[in-house]
Amino acid sequence: MSDFLMPSLGADMEAGTLVEWLVMPGDKVDKGQVIAVVETSKGAIDVEVFESGVVEELYVDPDTRVPVGTSLARIGSGEQVVTERPEAAPPEPEPEPQVETEAVAEPLPLREVPEARPRDKERVRTRASPAARRRARELGVDLAGITGNCPGGAIVLRDIEGTPSRKSKLVRRAAGFDRDEMRKTIAAAMSRSKREIPHYYLATTVDMHAAESWLEAYNRDQAPESRILMAALFMKAAARALERYPDLNGHYTEEGFTPSEQINLGMAIHLRAGGLIAPALLEAESLELPELMTRLQDLVKRARSGGLRASEISGATATVTALGDRGVDTVYGVIHPPQVAMIGFGRVQQRPLAVGDALAIRSAVDISLAADHRVCDGHLGALFLNEIDAHLQQPEAL
C-alpha cells in the first residue's frame, strides 16, 4: 500500500491544482494508467500512477491546490476501500428499505414502502466521480443516461463534456495557459540554471548532403502522412550519441550526477500563444525513425492542445532545441535543471564546404552543445558532437 502524491512537474514547481479524478475508490488501476488531471503553469497535465493496485481512498477534492509531495490518494490491495464522502444536505429521514418482492411468498404488508429519493437512486445505480456529479447537477443532466468509460463504467467529468451548454473547464485549461505564470516559471528555471550550473558551450558545422539525399529518397515513395522530417533525424542522431556518452544523459541533484538508463529526449516546443514547453520522447533510443516521427508529431500536437502526461513533462534526461525553421543559424541553449545537457540544431542551408581536396556548395547545419562542467569537460563534449556528425553521415543506419 502506498500514497499517490502530487508530482513535481518541473524543477521550480511548488504546487499544483487537482482538476479532476479519472478513477473512483474501488477501481483497479495498472501501472502507467492516467488517474488524474493536474493543472500547473504548463497547462493541464495527465498524471499516471506508477504502481498497479486498487484505489482505496481519494484524499483531495477537485479544484484544490496542494503542494508538491502532498498525498492525493491511497493505492493498495483493495481491502480498505473508503467510498466518497456524502455531500452535505439537510437531514432527512432515511427511507425504509425496499422489499424484494421476488423473494416473498406472502402478500406485502399493508404499509407503503417509500420510494428511494432520486439522489439515493443515483448513488445506487450510477458510479460517478464527485466532479461529474456536481457538473451534472449544474447542467441538469441525468447521469443514468451517460455511459462511463472508466473501469466498472464509472462516470468522470470528461464523460459529460459533450452535454448541452457544457463549457469544459478542463478543455479550456488544457488548450490554454496563463502566459504570465509560464514566463515566471521559465524565468525561475533559467535563472537557477545560470546561477547553479557552470555551462560550457561548443559548436560544430556538419555536412548534411548524405542526410538530405537519403531523406529525399526515402520520402519519395511515402504517403505525405508517412514522410520523415529532418527534425526526426536530428532527434535520433542525438539519442544515439547519448547512448555512447551517458555522462550527458541524466540528472544532477544534491547527491551528484545520476546517469539515466533510458534516453528520454526532451524537445523544446514553442506554444502559439507564447511560452515554451519541453516534453520528452520517452525511450527515444529504442524508436525506429518512422515511429519517432509519429511520436514527435503527436507530442507537438498534445503540447499545444492539451493531453501531455506527467512522465513526459518531468522525465526528460537531455533536451534538444531546434530553431532552424525560424531562420536561426546557430542556437546556444540554457540547460534545463536537473538535466546536464542541451543540444541545439540550427538552419540547414547551402554553404561552401571543403569536400576532399575541392570546394563545394553543400547543405550544412550548425550543431551546438551546452553542457554541465560539473559532470564533464569540453573533451567529452567535442566527442559527443562528433558522434552526432558520424550518425548523420550514415542516416540509413539510424
Foldseek 3Di string as FASTA:
>chain_A
DDFDWQADLAPPAWKWFWAWALDFFFAWDAAQDFGTWIQDQLFIAGETDHHTATFQFADDDGRDMDTGGHGGTDGHHNPRHDGDDDDDDPDDDAFDDDDDVVVDDDDDDPDDGDDHDPVVVCVVPAAEDPVCVVVCVVVVHDRVPWFADGPPRYHINVRCCPPPPRDDPRQVRQQDGDQVSQVVSVVVQLVCLVVPFDKDKDKDKFFQFLLVVVLVVVCVPDDPVQRFDVVLLLLQLLQVLCVVVQLQFAFQDPVGTDGDPAAFEWEWAAAPVGHIATFTDTRSNPDDSSVSRVVVVVVNVCSNRNHHHSCRSRVHREYEYECQVVVFQWDDDGGRHRGFKYKYKHHFDWDWDDDPPDTDTGTMIMMMMMGGVSRHDVVSVVVSVVSSSVCSNPVVVD
